[in-house]
Amino acid sequence: MSIAPLRHTNQGTKGYDMKSEIDAICEAAEQGDAKAQFILGMMYATGRGVRFDYVQAYVWLSLGASQQYRNAVKERKFVAARMTAAQIAKAREMARTREMVSLAPV
């Protein structure tokens, strides 16, 4: 699934459906789209459209970074600087588990 049609500039326009946009980003991120993983990570880092959560932000940014998505690498460092060591350890384990699940044969 491509998230290219998603535009944050649609907000405030007639018929704009933020929930549908968030659902599409989540679906693409779950399917391994690095850009969607980055966007979802930033949503968690800022609390935009989802609850604010640095651990989830780090998880999704890590998944994007594992695919060499440069912005995810940079922003993950920014998020990590605001987390405790315990939060980072938890997020790393969650990302590792998620990667293993996505690589498992269906």
N, C-alpha and C. Protein backbone atom coordinates (compact mmCIF):
# COMPACT_ATOMS: atom_id res chain seq x y z
N MET A 1 0.85 -1.19 0.00
CA MET A 1 0.00 0.00 0.00
C MET A 1 0.88 1.24 0.00
N SER A 2 0.57 2.15 -0.84
CA SER A 2 1.31 3.40 -0.90
C SER A 2 0.58 4.46 -0.09
N ILE A 3 1.35 5.30 0.58
CA ILE A 3 0.73 6.39 1.34
C ILE A 3 0.92 7.71 0.62
N ALA A 4 1.43 7.68 -0.60
CA ALA A 4 1.68 8.90 -1.36
C ALA A 4 0.48 9.83 -1.45
N PRO A 5 -0.76 9.32 -1.61
CA PRO A 5 -1.88 10.25 -1.73
C PRO A 5 -2.21 10.99 -0.44
N LEU A 6 -1.70 10.53 0.68
CA LEU A 6 -2.03 11.16 1.95
C LEU A 6 -1.36 12.52 2.05
N ARG A 7 -2.12 13.52 2.39
CA ARG A 7 -1.58 14.86 2.50
C ARG A 7 -2.11 15.52 3.76
N HIS A 8 -1.19 16.05 4.55
CA HIS A 8 -1.60 16.75 5.76
C HIS A 8 -2.30 18.06 5.41
N THR A 9 -2.11 18.55 4.18
CA THR A 9 -2.74 19.82 3.78
C THR A 9 -4.24 19.67 3.60
N ASN A 10 -4.77 18.43 3.58
CA ASN A 10 -6.20 18.21 3.43
C ASN A 10 -6.96 18.60 4.69
N GLN A 11 -6.27 18.74 5.79
CA GLN A 11 -6.94 19.06 7.03
C GLN A 11 -7.67 20.39 6.90
N GLY A 12 -8.87 20.41 7.40
CA GLY A 12 -9.66 21.63 7.34
C GLY A 12 -10.47 21.75 6.07
N THR A 13 -10.28 20.86 5.10
CA THR A 13 -11.06 20.92 3.88
C THR A 13 -12.33 20.10 4.06
N LYS A 14 -13.32 20.44 3.28
CA LYS A 14 -14.60 19.73 3.37
C LYS A 14 -14.39 18.25 3.02
N GLY A 15 -14.92 17.39 3.87
CA GLY A 15 -14.82 15.96 3.62
C GLY A 15 -13.54 15.33 4.14
N TYR A 16 -12.67 16.10 4.76
CA TYR A 16 -11.42 15.54 5.29
C TYR A 16 -11.73 14.57 6.42
N ASP A 17 -11.14 13.40 6.39
CA ASP A 17 -11.38 12.36 7.39
C ASP A 17 -10.04 11.94 7.99
N MET A 18 -9.68 12.54 9.12
CA MET A 18 -8.40 12.26 9.75
C MET A 18 -8.29 10.80 10.18
N LYS A 19 -9.38 10.22 10.67
CA LYS A 19 -9.34 8.83 11.09
C LYS A 19 -8.97 7.91 9.92
N SER A 20 -9.53 8.16 8.76
CA SER A 20 -9.20 7.35 7.58
C SER A 20 -7.73 7.51 7.21
N GLU A 21 -7.23 8.72 7.32
CA GLU A 21 -5.82 8.97 7.01
C GLU A 21 -4.92 8.24 8.00
N ILE A 22 -5.25 8.32 9.29
CA ILE A 22 -4.46 7.63 10.31
C ILE A 22 -4.52 6.12 10.10
N ASP A 23 -5.71 5.61 9.79
CA ASP A 23 -5.85 4.17 9.53
C ASP A 23 -4.98 3.74 8.35
N ALA A 24 -4.94 4.55 7.30
CA ALA A 24 -4.13 4.22 6.12
C ALA A 24 -2.64 4.24 6.46
N ILE A 25 -2.21 5.20 7.26
CA ILE A 25 -0.81 5.28 7.68
C ILE A 25 -0.46 4.06 8.53
N CYS A 26 -1.33 3.72 9.47
CA CYS A 26 -1.08 2.55 10.33
C CYS A 26 -0.99 1.27 9.51
N GLU A 27 -1.90 1.12 8.57
CA GLU A 27 -1.90 -0.09 7.73
C GLU A 27 -0.61 -0.18 6.91
N ALA A 28 -0.22 0.93 6.31
CA ALA A 28 1.01 0.93 5.52
C ALA A 28 2.23 0.66 6.39
N ALA A 29 2.25 1.24 7.59
CA ALA A 29 3.37 1.01 8.52
C ALA A 29 3.44 -0.45 8.92
N GLU A 30 2.28 -1.04 9.23
CA GLU A 30 2.24 -2.46 9.60
C GLU A 30 2.73 -3.35 8.46
N GLN A 31 2.51 -2.91 7.23
CA GLN A 31 2.92 -3.68 6.05
C GLN A 31 4.39 -3.45 5.70
N GLY A 32 5.07 -2.61 6.48
CA GLY A 32 6.51 -2.42 6.28
C GLY A 32 6.92 -1.23 5.46
N ASP A 33 6.02 -0.32 5.17
CA ASP A 33 6.35 0.89 4.42
C ASP A 33 7.17 1.82 5.30
N ALA A 34 8.42 2.05 4.94
CA ALA A 34 9.34 2.84 5.76
C ALA A 34 8.86 4.28 5.96
N LYS A 35 8.31 4.88 4.91
CA LYS A 35 7.82 6.26 5.04
C LYS A 35 6.64 6.30 6.03
N ALA A 36 5.75 5.33 5.94
CA ALA A 36 4.61 5.28 6.85
C ALA A 36 5.09 5.04 8.28
N GLN A 37 6.11 4.21 8.44
CA GLN A 37 6.67 3.97 9.78
C GLN A 37 7.24 5.25 10.35
N PHE A 38 7.92 6.01 9.51
CA PHE A 38 8.44 7.31 9.94
C PHE A 38 7.31 8.24 10.35
N ILE A 39 6.29 8.35 9.50
CA ILE A 39 5.17 9.24 9.79
C ILE A 39 4.47 8.83 11.09
N LEU A 40 4.24 7.52 11.26
CA LEU A 40 3.58 7.05 12.47
C LEU A 40 4.45 7.34 13.70
N GLY A 41 5.75 7.14 13.57
CA GLY A 41 6.66 7.46 14.67
C GLY A 41 6.59 8.93 15.05
N MET A 42 6.53 9.79 14.05
CA MET A 42 6.44 11.23 14.33
C MET A 42 5.08 11.59 14.94
N MET A 43 4.05 10.88 14.53
CA MET A 43 2.73 11.13 15.12
C MET A 43 2.77 10.81 16.62
N TYR A 44 3.39 9.69 16.98
CA TYR A 44 3.50 9.34 18.40
C TYR A 44 4.43 10.32 19.13
N ALA A 45 5.47 10.78 18.47
CA ALA A 45 6.42 11.71 19.11
C ALA A 45 5.79 13.06 19.41
N THR A 46 4.80 13.44 18.61
CA THR A 46 4.17 14.75 18.78
C THR A 46 2.76 14.69 19.35
N GLY A 47 2.18 13.48 19.39
CA GLY A 47 0.81 13.34 19.85
C GLY A 47 -0.21 13.81 18.82
N ARG A 48 0.19 13.86 17.57
CA ARG A 48 -0.71 14.32 16.50
C ARG A 48 -1.52 13.15 15.96
N GLY A 49 -2.80 13.13 16.28
CA GLY A 49 -3.70 12.10 15.78
C GLY A 49 -3.71 10.82 16.60
N VAL A 50 -2.72 10.66 17.46
CA VAL A 50 -2.60 9.50 18.36
C VAL A 50 -2.14 10.02 19.71
N ARG A 51 -2.20 9.15 20.72
CA ARG A 51 -1.72 9.60 22.03
C ARG A 51 -0.19 9.74 21.99
N PHE A 52 0.29 10.75 22.66
CA PHE A 52 1.73 11.00 22.77
C PHE A 52 2.41 9.82 23.46
N ASP A 53 3.45 9.26 22.86
CA ASP A 53 4.11 8.09 23.43
C ASP A 53 5.51 7.95 22.82
N TYR A 54 6.55 8.32 23.58
CA TYR A 54 7.91 8.22 23.07
C TYR A 54 8.33 6.78 22.80
N VAL A 55 7.84 5.83 23.58
CA VAL A 55 8.22 4.43 23.35
C VAL A 55 7.71 3.98 21.98
N GLN A 56 6.43 4.23 21.70
CA GLN A 56 5.88 3.86 20.39
C GLN A 56 6.56 4.66 19.27
N ALA A 57 6.86 5.92 19.53
CA ALA A 57 7.57 6.72 18.53
C ALA A 57 8.91 6.07 18.19
N TYR A 58 9.64 5.68 19.21
CA TYR A 58 10.95 5.05 19.00
C TYR A 58 10.82 3.74 18.23
N VAL A 59 9.79 2.95 18.57
CA VAL A 59 9.56 1.68 17.88
C VAL A 59 9.39 1.92 16.38
N TRP A 60 8.46 2.78 16.02
CA TRP A 60 8.15 3.00 14.61
C TRP A 60 9.29 3.70 13.88
N LEU A 61 9.97 4.62 14.54
CA LEU A 61 11.13 5.25 13.91
C LEU A 61 12.25 4.24 13.71
N SER A 62 12.41 3.31 14.65
CA SER A 62 13.42 2.27 14.51
C SER A 62 13.12 1.37 13.32
N LEU A 63 11.86 1.05 13.14
CA LEU A 63 11.49 0.20 12.00
C LEU A 63 11.78 0.91 10.68
N GLY A 64 11.46 2.18 10.62
CA GLY A 64 11.80 2.95 9.42
C GLY A 64 13.30 3.09 9.23
N ALA A 65 14.00 3.30 10.33
CA ALA A 65 15.47 3.43 10.27
C ALA A 65 16.13 2.13 9.82
N SER A 66 15.53 1.00 10.19
CA SER A 66 16.10 -0.30 9.79
C SER A 66 16.05 -0.50 8.27
N GLN A 67 15.24 0.32 7.61
CA GLN A 67 15.16 0.29 6.15
C GLN A 67 15.91 1.47 5.53
N GLN A 68 16.79 2.07 6.32
CA GLN A 68 17.62 3.20 5.91
C GLN A 68 16.81 4.43 5.50
N TYR A 69 15.66 4.62 6.12
CA TYR A 69 14.90 5.84 5.88
C TYR A 69 15.56 6.93 6.71
N ARG A 70 16.27 7.82 6.06
CA ARG A 70 17.15 8.79 6.74
C ARG A 70 16.45 9.65 7.79
N ASN A 71 15.28 10.14 7.46
CA ASN A 71 14.57 10.99 8.43
C ASN A 71 14.24 10.22 9.71
N ALA A 72 13.97 8.93 9.56
CA ALA A 72 13.66 8.11 10.75
C ALA A 72 14.89 7.98 11.63
N VAL A 73 16.05 7.82 11.02
CA VAL A 73 17.30 7.71 11.78
C VAL A 73 17.52 8.99 12.59
N LYS A 74 17.37 10.12 11.93
CA LYS A 74 17.59 11.42 12.58
C LYS A 74 16.59 11.67 13.71
N GLU A 75 15.33 11.45 13.44
CA GLU A 75 14.30 11.73 14.44
C GLU A 75 14.34 10.74 15.60
N ARG A 76 14.77 9.51 15.33
CA ARG A 76 14.90 8.53 16.42
C ARG A 76 15.92 9.03 17.44
N LYS A 77 16.99 9.64 16.99
CA LYS A 77 17.99 10.21 17.90
C LYS A 77 17.37 11.31 18.76
N PHE A 78 16.57 12.14 18.13
CA PHE A 78 15.89 13.23 18.84
C PHE A 78 14.97 12.67 19.92
N VAL A 79 14.19 11.66 19.58
CA VAL A 79 13.26 11.04 20.53
C VAL A 79 14.04 10.36 21.66
N ALA A 80 15.09 9.63 21.30
CA ALA A 80 15.88 8.89 22.30
C ALA A 80 16.47 9.84 23.35
N ALA A 81 16.84 11.04 22.93
CA ALA A 81 17.42 12.01 23.86
C ALA A 81 16.43 12.43 24.94
N ARG A 82 15.16 12.16 24.73
CA ARG A 82 14.12 12.54 25.69
C ARG A 82 13.57 11.36 26.48
N MET A 83 14.17 10.19 26.28
CA MET A 83 13.69 8.96 26.92
C MET A 83 14.66 8.50 28.01
N THR A 84 14.13 7.71 28.94
CA THR A 84 15.00 7.07 29.93
C THR A 84 15.62 5.83 29.31
N ALA A 85 16.66 5.31 29.95
CA ALA A 85 17.30 4.08 29.46
C ALA A 85 16.31 2.93 29.45
N ALA A 86 15.45 2.86 30.46
CA ALA A 86 14.45 1.79 30.52
C ALA A 86 13.45 1.90 29.37
N GLN A 87 13.04 3.11 29.03
CA GLN A 87 12.11 3.29 27.92
C GLN A 87 12.76 2.87 26.60
N ILE A 88 14.02 3.22 26.42
CA ILE A 88 14.73 2.85 25.19
C ILE A 88 14.87 1.33 25.10
N ALA A 89 15.21 0.69 26.20
CA ALA A 89 15.34 -0.77 26.19
C ALA A 89 14.01 -1.42 25.84
N LYS A 90 12.92 -0.93 26.41
CA LYS A 90 11.60 -1.47 26.12
C LYS A 90 11.26 -1.26 24.64
N ALA A 91 11.52 -0.08 24.12
CA ALA A 91 11.21 0.23 22.72
C ALA A 91 12.05 -0.63 21.77
N ARG A 92 13.31 -0.83 22.10
CA ARG A 92 14.17 -1.68 21.25
C ARG A 92 13.64 -3.11 21.20
N GLU A 93 13.22 -3.63 22.34
CA GLU A 93 12.68 -4.99 22.37
C GLU A 93 11.37 -5.07 21.58
N MET A 94 10.53 -4.07 21.72
CA MET A 94 9.28 -4.05 20.97
C MET A 94 9.55 -3.99 19.46
N ALA A 95 10.51 -3.18 19.05
CA ALA A 95 10.84 -3.08 17.62
C ALA A 95 11.42 -4.40 17.12
N ARG A 96 12.27 -5.01 17.91
CA ARG A 96 12.87 -6.29 17.53
C ARG A 96 11.79 -7.36 17.36
N THR A 97 10.86 -7.41 18.29
CA THR A 97 9.75 -8.36 18.22
C THR A 97 8.89 -8.10 17.00
N ARG A 98 8.58 -6.84 16.73
CA ARG A 98 7.76 -6.48 15.57
C ARG A 98 8.47 -6.86 14.28
N GLU A 99 9.77 -6.65 14.19
CA GLU A 99 10.53 -7.04 13.00
C GLU A 99 10.46 -8.55 12.80
N MET A 100 10.59 -9.30 13.88
CA MET A 100 10.56 -10.76 13.78
C MET A 100 9.19 -11.23 13.32
N VAL A 101 8.13 -10.61 13.82
CA VAL A 101 6.77 -10.99 13.42
C VAL A 101 6.58 -10.69 11.94
N SER A 102 7.06 -9.53 11.48
CA SER A 102 6.84 -9.17 10.07
C SER A 102 7.66 -10.04 9.12
N LEU A 103 8.73 -10.63 9.60
CA LEU A 103 9.55 -11.51 8.76
C LEU A 103 9.11 -12.97 8.81
N ALA A 104 8.21 -13.30 9.73
CA ALA A 104 7.77 -14.69 9.88
C ALA A 104 6.95 -15.11 8.66
N PRO A 105 7.14 -16.36 8.22
CA PRO A 105 6.35 -16.83 7.08
C PRO A 105 4.87 -16.90 7.43
N VAL A 106 4.04 -16.64 6.45
CA VAL A 106 2.59 -16.63 6.68
C VAL A 106 2.02 -18.01 6.48
